[in-house]
N, C-alpha and C. Protein backbone atom coordinates (compact mmCIF):
# COMPACT_ATOMS: atom_id res chain seq x y z
N UNK A 1 0.74 -1.15 0.04
CA UNK A 1 -0.03 -0.08 -0.03
C UNK A 1 0.62 1.16 0.26
N UNK A 2 0.53 2.15 -0.50
CA UNK A 2 1.04 3.78 -0.78
C UNK A 2 0.45 4.78 -0.20
N UNK A 3 0.60 5.20 0.92
CA UNK A 3 -0.12 6.04 1.74
C UNK A 3 0.27 7.62 1.05
N UNK A 4 -0.74 8.74 0.99
CA UNK A 4 0.39 9.72 0.72
C UNK A 4 0.53 10.53 1.69
N UNK A 5 1.93 11.27 1.77
CA UNK A 5 2.55 11.83 2.62
C UNK A 5 1.78 12.93 3.20
N UNK A 6 1.98 13.65 4.42
CA UNK A 6 1.38 14.53 4.75
C UNK A 6 1.61 15.74 4.33
N UNK A 7 0.63 16.51 4.20
CA UNK A 7 0.50 17.41 3.14
C UNK A 7 -0.92 18.71 2.99
N UNK A 8 -0.97 19.88 2.89
CA UNK A 8 -1.95 19.93 2.51
C UNK A 8 -3.35 19.41 1.50
N UNK A 9 -3.34 18.20 1.03
CA UNK A 9 -4.19 17.86 0.30
C UNK A 9 -4.78 16.77 1.12
N UNK A 10 -6.16 15.90 0.57
CA UNK A 10 -6.42 14.75 0.80
C UNK A 10 -5.70 13.63 1.44
N UNK A 11 -6.08 13.21 2.34
CA UNK A 11 -5.62 11.73 2.42
C UNK A 11 -5.75 10.96 1.56
N UNK A 12 -5.15 9.84 0.62
CA UNK A 12 -5.49 9.05 0.22
C UNK A 12 -4.73 7.94 0.22
N UNK A 13 -4.77 6.77 -0.08
CA UNK A 13 -4.07 5.55 0.28
C UNK A 13 -4.58 4.58 -1.33
N UNK A 14 -3.27 3.81 -1.98
CA UNK A 14 -3.10 3.32 -3.29
C UNK A 14 -2.95 2.17 -2.83
N UNK A 15 -2.87 0.86 -3.63
CA UNK A 15 -2.31 0.03 -3.90
C UNK A 15 -1.65 -0.38 -5.31
N UNK A 16 -0.62 -1.22 -5.33
CA UNK A 16 -0.13 -1.52 -6.56
C UNK A 16 -0.83 -2.73 -7.33
N UNK A 17 -1.31 -2.54 -8.57
CA UNK A 17 -1.85 -2.99 -9.47
C UNK A 17 -1.27 -3.54 -10.94
N UNK A 18 -1.64 -4.78 -11.90
CA UNK A 18 -0.68 -4.75 -12.63
C UNK A 18 -2.00 -4.78 -14.15
N UNK A 19 -2.11 -4.23 -15.11
CA UNK A 19 -3.38 -3.77 -15.99
C UNK A 19 -3.23 -5.26 -16.83
N UNK A 20 -4.37 -6.36 -16.54
CA UNK A 20 -4.24 -7.69 -17.35
C UNK A 20 -5.69 -7.35 -18.38
N UNK A 21 -5.99 -6.12 -18.61
CA UNK A 21 -6.98 -6.67 -19.06
C UNK A 21 -7.32 -6.82 -20.82
N UNK A 22 -5.94 -6.16 -21.53
CA UNK A 22 -5.94 -6.42 -22.72
C UNK A 22 -5.80 -5.49 -23.69
N UNK A 23 -6.53 -4.75 -23.00
CA UNK A 23 -6.75 -2.93 -23.31
C UNK A 23 -5.72 -1.86 -22.49
N UNK A 24 -5.53 -0.56 -23.02
CA UNK A 24 -5.29 0.50 -22.42
C UNK A 24 -6.65 0.87 -21.11
N UNK A 25 -5.76 1.11 -19.58
CA UNK A 25 -7.17 1.57 -18.63
C UNK A 25 -6.72 3.16 -18.54
N UNK A 26 -7.57 3.65 -19.01
CA UNK A 26 -7.91 5.53 -18.63
C UNK A 26 -7.57 5.64 -17.00
N UNK A 27 -7.24 6.69 -16.34
CA UNK A 27 -7.28 7.45 -15.47
C UNK A 27 -8.69 7.63 -14.67
N UNK A 28 -9.41 6.94 -13.86
CA UNK A 28 -10.73 7.54 -13.29
C UNK A 28 -11.81 6.33 -13.62
N UNK A 29 -11.28 5.45 -13.91
CA UNK A 29 -12.07 3.47 -14.62
C UNK A 29 -11.87 3.16 -13.22
N UNK A 30 -13.17 2.79 -12.60
CA UNK A 30 -13.16 1.39 -11.86
C UNK A 30 -12.50 0.19 -12.04
N UNK A 31 -12.00 -0.76 -10.92
CA UNK A 31 -11.20 -1.74 -11.28
C UNK A 31 -11.65 -2.76 -11.18
N UNK A 32 -11.51 -3.92 -11.48
CA UNK A 32 -11.91 -5.49 -11.16
C UNK A 32 -10.66 -6.19 -10.62
N UNK A 33 -10.57 -7.26 -9.66
CA UNK A 33 -9.82 -7.85 -9.65
C UNK A 33 -10.11 -8.89 -10.75
N UNK A 34 -8.79 -9.53 -11.28
CA UNK A 34 -9.02 -11.05 -12.24
C UNK A 34 -8.74 -12.02 -11.17
N UNK A 35 -9.44 -12.69 -11.35
CA UNK A 35 -10.19 -14.47 -10.51
C UNK A 35 -10.50 -15.11 -11.23
N UNK A 36 -9.18 -16.37 -11.32
CA UNK A 36 -9.62 -17.62 -12.25
C UNK A 36 -9.02 -18.73 -11.36
N UNK A 37 -8.36 -18.56 -10.46
CA UNK A 37 -7.99 -19.38 -9.75
C UNK A 37 -6.63 -19.40 -9.48
N UNK A 38 -5.88 -18.70 -11.07
CA UNK A 38 -4.52 -18.73 -11.15
C UNK A 38 -3.56 -17.73 -10.96
N UNK A 39 -4.35 -16.75 -10.49
CA UNK A 39 -3.78 -15.39 -10.36
C UNK A 39 -3.26 -15.09 -8.90
N UNK A 40 -2.30 -14.15 -9.02
CA UNK A 40 -1.64 -13.73 -8.16
C UNK A 40 -1.74 -12.33 -7.08
N UNK A 41 -3.13 -12.32 -7.52
CA UNK A 41 -3.60 -10.69 -6.22
C UNK A 41 -2.89 -9.64 -6.77
N UNK A 42 -2.82 -9.35 -7.85
CA UNK A 42 -2.36 -7.99 -8.76
C UNK A 42 -2.76 -7.68 -9.78
N UNK A 43 -3.41 -8.61 -10.44
CA UNK A 43 -4.20 -8.66 -11.68
C UNK A 43 -5.14 -7.60 -11.85
N UNK A 44 -6.41 -6.63 -12.30
CA UNK A 44 -6.98 -5.99 -12.44
C UNK A 44 -7.17 -5.71 -13.76
N UNK A 45 -8.35 -5.32 -14.21
CA UNK A 45 -9.13 -5.20 -15.43
C UNK A 45 -10.22 -4.45 -15.54
N UNK A 46 -9.98 -3.27 -16.21
CA UNK A 46 -11.63 -2.79 -15.91
C UNK A 46 -12.82 -3.10 -15.64
N UNK A 47 -13.67 -2.36 -15.05
CA UNK A 47 -14.89 -3.24 -14.30
C UNK A 47 -15.53 -3.60 -15.33
N UNK A 48 -16.15 -4.93 -15.51
CA UNK A 48 -16.91 -5.31 -16.40
C UNK A 48 -18.19 -6.24 -16.31
N UNK A 49 -17.83 -6.83 -14.87
CA UNK A 49 -19.56 -7.80 -14.83
C UNK A 49 -19.98 -7.32 -13.55
N UNK A 50 -21.41 -6.72 -14.03
CA UNK A 50 -22.07 -6.87 -12.64
C UNK A 50 -22.28 -7.72 -11.79
N UNK A 51 -22.27 -8.88 -11.89
CA UNK A 51 -22.24 -10.01 -11.19
C UNK A 51 -20.76 -9.87 -10.13
N UNK A 52 -20.05 -9.17 -10.49
CA UNK A 52 -18.78 -9.05 -9.72
C UNK A 52 -18.34 -8.33 -9.14
N UNK A 53 -19.56 -7.20 -8.08
CA UNK A 53 -19.46 -6.28 -7.49
C UNK A 53 -18.72 -6.66 -6.36
N UNK A 54 -18.52 -7.50 -5.57
CA UNK A 54 -17.69 -7.93 -5.02
C UNK A 54 -16.13 -7.83 -5.15
N UNK A 55 -15.72 -7.83 -6.02
CA UNK A 55 -14.32 -8.26 -6.91
C UNK A 55 -13.64 -6.35 -6.93
N UNK A 56 -14.51 -5.57 -6.85
CA UNK A 56 -14.30 -3.93 -7.48
C UNK A 56 -13.10 -4.11 -6.34
N UNK A 57 -12.21 -3.28 -6.81
CA UNK A 57 -10.80 -2.94 -6.34
C UNK A 57 -10.85 -1.49 -6.02
N UNK A 58 -11.01 -1.10 -6.77
CA UNK A 58 -10.89 0.66 -6.66
C UNK A 58 -10.76 1.67 -7.81
N UNK A 59 -10.30 2.86 -7.96
CA UNK A 59 -10.24 3.76 -8.81
C UNK A 59 -9.23 3.78 -9.79
N UNK A 60 -9.06 3.48 -10.88
CA UNK A 60 -7.59 3.77 -11.79
C UNK A 60 -6.88 5.25 -11.42
N UNK A 61 -5.77 5.23 -10.85
CA UNK A 61 -5.17 6.75 -10.67
C UNK A 61 -4.66 7.18 -12.10
N UNK A 62 -3.60 6.34 -12.47
CA UNK A 62 -3.20 7.02 -14.12
C UNK A 62 -3.55 6.08 -14.82
N UNK A 63 -3.83 6.33 -16.50
CA UNK A 63 -3.95 6.08 -17.29
C UNK A 63 -2.64 4.86 -17.22
N UNK A 64 -3.10 3.41 -17.90
CA UNK A 64 -1.71 2.58 -18.16
C UNK A 64 -1.93 1.41 -18.80
N UNK A 65 -0.86 0.66 -19.43
CA UNK A 65 -1.38 0.43 -20.70
C UNK A 65 -1.35 -0.95 -20.32
N UNK A 66 -1.87 -2.12 -21.14
CA UNK A 66 -1.70 -3.44 -20.86
C UNK A 66 -0.48 -3.78 -20.23
N UNK A 67 -0.01 -5.20 -19.47
CA UNK A 67 0.94 -5.33 -18.85
C UNK A 67 1.29 -4.61 -17.53
N UNK A 68 1.48 -3.42 -17.73
CA UNK A 68 2.40 -2.64 -16.87
C UNK A 68 1.35 -2.45 -15.70
N UNK A 69 2.26 -1.83 -15.02
CA UNK A 69 2.07 -1.84 -13.03
C UNK A 69 1.37 -0.34 -13.20
N UNK A 70 0.47 -0.29 -12.24
CA UNK A 70 -0.25 1.01 -11.78
C UNK A 70 -0.41 1.55 -10.63
N UNK A 71 -1.36 2.28 -10.00
CA UNK A 71 -2.07 2.37 -9.00
C UNK A 71 -3.36 2.78 -8.88
N UNK A 72 -4.05 1.55 -7.78
CA UNK A 72 -5.54 2.35 -7.23
C UNK A 72 -5.46 2.51 -6.42
N UNK A 73 -6.11 3.76 -6.37
CA UNK A 73 -7.06 4.53 -5.08
C UNK A 73 -8.21 3.17 -4.40
N UNK A 74 -7.93 3.30 -3.33
CA UNK A 74 -8.55 2.41 -2.41
C UNK A 74 -9.00 3.26 -1.37
N UNK A 75 -8.57 4.48 -1.10
CA UNK A 75 -9.50 5.21 0.09
C UNK A 75 -9.15 6.96 -0.26
N UNK A 76 -9.83 7.95 0.27
CA UNK A 76 -9.84 8.76 0.55
C UNK A 76 -10.48 10.06 -0.75
N UNK A 77 -10.18 11.12 -1.00
CA UNK A 77 -11.36 11.83 -2.23
C UNK A 77 -10.58 11.57 -3.79
N UNK A 78 -11.13 11.45 -4.13
CA UNK A 78 -10.50 11.33 -5.71
C UNK A 78 -11.33 12.13 -6.61
N UNK A 79 -10.83 13.20 -7.63
CA UNK A 79 -11.27 14.04 -8.52
C UNK A 79 -12.07 13.95 -9.40
N UNK A 80 -11.55 12.94 -9.69
CA UNK A 80 -11.37 12.53 -11.12
C UNK A 80 -12.18 11.23 -11.73
N UNK A 81 -12.85 10.60 -10.86
CA UNK A 81 -13.56 9.26 -11.02
C UNK A 81 -14.56 9.81 -12.12
N UNK A 82 -14.71 8.90 -13.03
CA UNK A 82 -15.48 8.78 -14.62
C UNK A 82 -16.96 8.65 -13.80
N UNK A 83 -17.82 9.01 -14.41
CA UNK A 83 -19.02 9.00 -14.00
C UNK A 83 -20.32 9.21 -15.36
N UNK A 84 -20.87 8.03 -15.25
CA UNK A 84 -22.40 8.34 -15.92
C UNK A 84 -23.60 8.62 -16.01
N UNK A 85 -23.98 10.14 -16.22
CA UNK A 85 -25.04 10.94 -15.91
C UNK A 85 -26.32 10.69 -17.14
N UNK A 86 -26.99 10.22 -16.37
CA UNK A 86 -28.62 9.91 -17.37
C UNK A 86 -29.25 11.37 -17.20
N UNK A 87 -29.16 12.02 -18.73
CA UNK A 87 -30.27 12.90 -18.71
C UNK A 87 -32.09 12.51 -18.84
N UNK A 88 -32.05 11.12 -19.00
CA UNK A 88 -33.64 10.48 -19.11
C UNK A 88 -33.90 9.86 -18.19
N UNK A 89 -33.48 9.91 -17.10
CA UNK A 89 -33.41 8.94 -15.77
C UNK A 89 -34.73 9.84 -15.02
N UNK A 90 -35.45 8.95 -14.07
CA UNK A 90 -36.21 9.95 -13.38
C UNK A 90 -35.54 10.96 -12.07
N UNK A 91 -34.34 10.55 -11.66
CA UNK A 91 -33.43 11.46 -11.09
C UNK A 91 -32.25 11.64 -11.70
N UNK A 92 -32.40 12.41 -12.39
CA UNK A 92 -30.89 12.45 -13.40
C UNK A 92 -29.70 13.48 -12.86
N UNK A 93 -29.91 14.18 -11.72
CA UNK A 93 -28.57 14.44 -11.72
C UNK A 93 -28.20 13.70 -9.96
N UNK A 94 -26.91 14.00 -10.55
CA UNK A 94 -26.05 13.31 -9.20
C UNK A 94 -26.00 14.11 -7.72
N UNK A 95 -26.23 13.39 -6.60
CA UNK A 95 -26.22 15.03 -5.94
C UNK A 95 -25.23 14.17 -4.41
N UNK A 96 -24.88 15.08 -4.02
CA UNK A 96 -24.04 14.81 -3.02
C UNK A 96 -24.19 13.83 -2.14
N UNK A 97 -23.54 12.58 -1.73
CA UNK A 97 -23.73 11.58 -1.06
C UNK A 97 -24.58 10.10 -1.41
N UNK A 98 -24.92 10.79 -2.77
CA UNK A 98 -25.44 9.40 -3.99
C UNK A 98 -24.03 8.10 -4.00
N UNK A 99 -24.50 7.04 -3.73
CA UNK A 99 -23.59 5.90 -3.28
C UNK A 99 -23.40 5.65 -5.01
N UNK A 100 -21.91 5.40 -5.41
CA UNK A 100 -21.83 4.84 -6.75
C UNK A 100 -21.20 3.51 -6.48
N UNK A 101 -21.43 2.45 -7.97
CA UNK A 101 -21.19 1.48 -8.41
C UNK A 101 -20.89 1.63 -9.67
N UNK A 102 -19.78 0.45 -9.95
CA UNK A 102 -19.38 0.43 -10.92
C UNK A 102 -20.23 -0.08 -11.80
N UNK A 103 -20.44 0.35 -13.35
CA UNK A 103 -21.02 0.17 -14.01
C UNK A 103 -20.14 -1.16 -15.06
N UNK A 104 -20.77 -2.19 -16.07
CA UNK A 104 -19.96 -2.97 -16.77
C UNK A 104 -19.59 -2.64 -17.75
N UNK A 105 -19.87 -0.96 -18.43
CA UNK A 105 -18.89 -0.21 -19.42
C UNK A 105 -17.74 0.27 -18.94
N UNK A 106 -17.05 0.34 -18.02
CA UNK A 106 -15.47 0.82 -16.99
C UNK A 106 -16.18 1.95 -17.03
N UNK A 107 -17.41 2.60 -16.49
CA UNK A 107 -17.29 4.23 -15.99
C UNK A 107 -18.27 3.70 -14.63
N UNK A 108 -18.51 4.24 -13.66
CA UNK A 108 -19.29 4.76 -12.57
C UNK A 108 -20.55 4.75 -12.74
N UNK A 109 -21.65 4.34 -12.30
CA UNK A 109 -22.89 4.56 -12.35
C UNK A 109 -23.68 5.07 -10.80
N UNK A 110 -23.88 6.22 -10.90
CA UNK A 110 -24.42 6.53 -9.53
C UNK A 110 -26.03 6.29 -9.56
N UNK A 111 -26.14 5.62 -8.13
CA UNK A 111 -27.41 5.14 -7.92
C UNK A 111 -27.80 4.87 -6.28
N UNK A 112 -28.90 4.63 -6.03
CA UNK A 112 -29.19 4.46 -4.59
C UNK A 112 -29.05 2.88 -4.43
N UNK A 113 -28.50 2.40 -2.80
CA UNK A 113 -27.71 1.40 -3.05
C UNK A 113 -29.26 0.75 -2.84
N UNK A 114 -29.34 -0.84 -3.41
CA UNK A 114 -30.21 -1.37 -3.21
C UNK A 114 -31.35 -1.37 -5.05
N UNK A 115 -31.55 -0.61 -5.80
CA UNK A 115 -32.26 -0.69 -6.79
C UNK A 115 -31.15 -1.00 -7.90
N UNK A 116 -32.55 -1.11 -8.80
CA UNK A 116 -31.49 -1.44 -10.30
C UNK A 116 -31.58 -0.68 -11.14
N UNK A 117 -30.96 0.05 -12.02
CA UNK A 117 -30.91 0.94 -13.16
C UNK A 117 -30.53 0.30 -14.35
N UNK A 118 -31.26 0.66 -15.39
CA UNK A 118 -31.02 0.48 -16.85
C UNK A 118 -30.81 1.08 -17.59
N UNK A 119 -29.12 1.19 -17.43
CA UNK A 119 -28.29 3.13 -18.59
C UNK A 119 -29.34 2.88 -20.38
N UNK A 120 -28.51 4.08 -20.69
CA UNK A 120 -28.84 4.13 -21.91
C UNK A 120 -28.64 3.41 -23.19
N UNK A 121 -27.61 2.49 -22.42
CA UNK A 121 -26.71 1.29 -23.19
C UNK A 121 -27.39 -0.02 -23.33
N UNK A 122 -28.96 -0.16 -22.81
CA UNK A 122 -29.49 -1.21 -22.25
C UNK A 122 -28.89 -2.26 -21.34
N UNK A 123 -27.93 -1.82 -20.54
CA UNK A 123 -27.30 -2.66 -19.53
C UNK A 123 -28.12 -2.75 -18.11
N UNK A 124 -28.79 -3.98 -17.81
CA UNK A 124 -29.04 -3.34 -16.67
C UNK A 124 -28.28 -3.78 -15.60
N UNK A 125 -27.52 -3.40 -14.80
CA UNK A 125 -26.61 -3.17 -13.54
C UNK A 125 -27.45 -3.61 -11.66
N UNK A 126 -27.37 -4.72 -11.36
CA UNK A 126 -28.04 -5.17 -10.52
C UNK A 126 -26.84 -4.55 -9.07
N UNK A 127 -27.50 -3.62 -8.24
CA UNK A 127 -26.73 -3.31 -7.00
C UNK A 127 -26.96 -4.08 -5.98
N UNK A 128 -25.82 -4.67 -5.56
CA UNK A 128 -25.69 -5.46 -4.17
C UNK A 128 -24.18 -4.08 -3.20
N UNK A 129 -25.19 -3.62 -2.32
CA UNK A 129 -24.18 -2.60 -1.76
C UNK A 129 -24.48 -3.05 -0.35
N UNK A 130 -22.65 -3.75 -0.10
CA UNK A 130 -23.08 -3.99 1.69
C UNK A 130 -23.28 -2.73 2.44
N UNK A 131 -22.27 -1.85 2.09
CA UNK A 131 -21.54 -0.72 2.75
C UNK A 131 -21.16 0.47 1.79
N UNK A 132 -21.54 1.29 2.06
CA UNK A 132 -20.76 2.39 1.21
C UNK A 132 -19.62 2.69 0.86
N UNK A 133 -19.40 2.63 -0.58
CA UNK A 133 -17.81 2.11 -0.77
C UNK A 133 -17.44 3.18 -1.62
N UNK A 134 -18.14 4.03 -2.10
CA UNK A 134 -17.86 4.98 -3.14
C UNK A 134 -18.96 6.40 -3.07
N UNK A 135 -19.01 7.31 -2.64
CA UNK A 135 -19.29 8.27 -2.37
C UNK A 135 -19.43 9.52 -3.45
N UNK A 136 -20.54 10.19 -3.57
CA UNK A 136 -20.02 11.44 -4.43
C UNK A 136 -19.99 12.83 -3.79
N UNK A 137 -19.27 13.67 -3.89
CA UNK A 137 -18.66 14.41 -2.98
C UNK A 137 -19.27 15.91 -3.60
N UNK A 138 -19.70 15.77 -5.12
CA UNK A 138 -20.36 17.30 -5.56
C UNK A 138 -21.53 16.59 -6.24
N UNK A 139 -22.48 17.89 -6.90
CA UNK A 139 -23.91 17.74 -7.64
C UNK A 139 -22.96 17.62 -8.96
N UNK A 140 -23.93 17.50 -9.88
CA UNK A 140 -23.96 17.30 -11.25
C UNK A 140 -24.95 16.66 -11.78
N UNK A 141 -25.16 18.23 -12.80
CA UNK A 141 -26.33 18.45 -13.21
C UNK A 141 -26.24 17.47 -14.66
N UNK A 142 -27.34 16.55 -14.77
CA UNK A 142 -27.27 16.32 -16.33
C UNK A 142 -28.27 16.70 -17.50
N UNK A 143 -27.36 17.17 -18.88
CA UNK A 143 -28.30 17.61 -19.45
C UNK A 143 -29.84 16.47 -20.22
N UNK A 144 -30.43 16.93 -20.62
CA UNK A 144 -31.60 16.52 -20.92
C UNK A 144 -31.68 15.65 -21.98
N UNK A 145 -32.09 14.28 -22.54
CA UNK A 145 -32.12 13.40 -22.92
C UNK A 145 -30.81 13.02 -23.74
N UNK A 146 -30.16 13.25 -22.63
CA UNK A 146 -28.57 12.71 -23.31
C UNK A 146 -27.92 12.00 -22.18
N UNK A 147 -27.05 10.72 -22.80
CA UNK A 147 -26.02 10.47 -21.74
C UNK A 147 -24.91 11.01 -21.78
N UNK A 148 -24.28 11.64 -20.45
CA UNK A 148 -22.89 12.28 -20.63
C UNK A 148 -22.26 11.75 -19.72
N UNK A 149 -20.75 11.69 -20.42
CA UNK A 149 -20.05 10.93 -19.57
C UNK A 149 -19.04 12.35 -19.06
N UNK A 150 -18.83 12.32 -17.93
CA UNK A 150 -17.70 12.87 -17.15
C UNK A 150 -17.04 13.03 -15.51
N UNK A 151 -16.55 13.98 -15.13
CA UNK A 151 -15.86 13.34 -13.99
C UNK A 151 -16.65 13.62 -12.65
N UNK A 152 -16.18 12.80 -11.63
CA UNK A 152 -16.90 13.49 -10.39
C UNK A 152 -15.98 13.74 -9.11
N UNK A 153 -16.28 14.32 -8.08
CA UNK A 153 -15.19 14.27 -6.82
C UNK A 153 -15.93 12.93 -6.54
N UNK A 154 -15.55 11.89 -5.45
CA UNK A 154 -15.65 11.12 -4.66
C UNK A 154 -15.06 10.90 -3.73
N UNK A 155 -15.45 10.27 -2.69
CA UNK A 155 -14.78 9.51 -2.15
C UNK A 155 -14.94 8.44 -1.70
N UNK A 156 -13.37 7.77 -1.21
CA UNK A 156 -13.26 6.23 -1.52
C UNK A 156 -13.24 5.36 -0.17
N UNK A 157 -13.91 4.43 -0.36
CA UNK A 157 -13.68 3.37 1.11
C UNK A 157 -13.64 2.00 0.15
N UNK A 158 -12.51 1.94 -0.20
CA UNK A 158 -12.29 0.24 -0.65
C UNK A 158 -11.52 -0.85 0.39
N UNK A 159 -11.14 -0.65 1.50
CA UNK A 159 -10.38 -1.27 2.35
C UNK A 159 -11.70 -2.62 2.90
């Protein structure tokens, strides 16, 4: 684990991970552990499977290529987590304190724990949330009738 040094910035904790996604992974993308019985506990990929909510690692800190090592943020404030905002959803705005869960398209989907959401890509995401792992730290408004990808400040607790 890597702990941010004392300073004027927020407390942050990172772990070292290896990209085994088969492609580059951008900054702010949620990561999941690759688990098939042969892994060494360091391989990750961009979050892909709603059924693997329990394998959520944290948020990728910097973009890195397939096979390279990088950092996943597992605790603290992160100002560049990707968020998929829905302009046509009943509650399209992201509100402070909303719980974020990883979506299967490699971006964050802000939803209320215990609900199901269908995004504009026709992907149904089942939410199983035992504790708040990622919470919005700012409000974001969506434009009407559009799916918008942007960044959001979030607080992570994935340890």
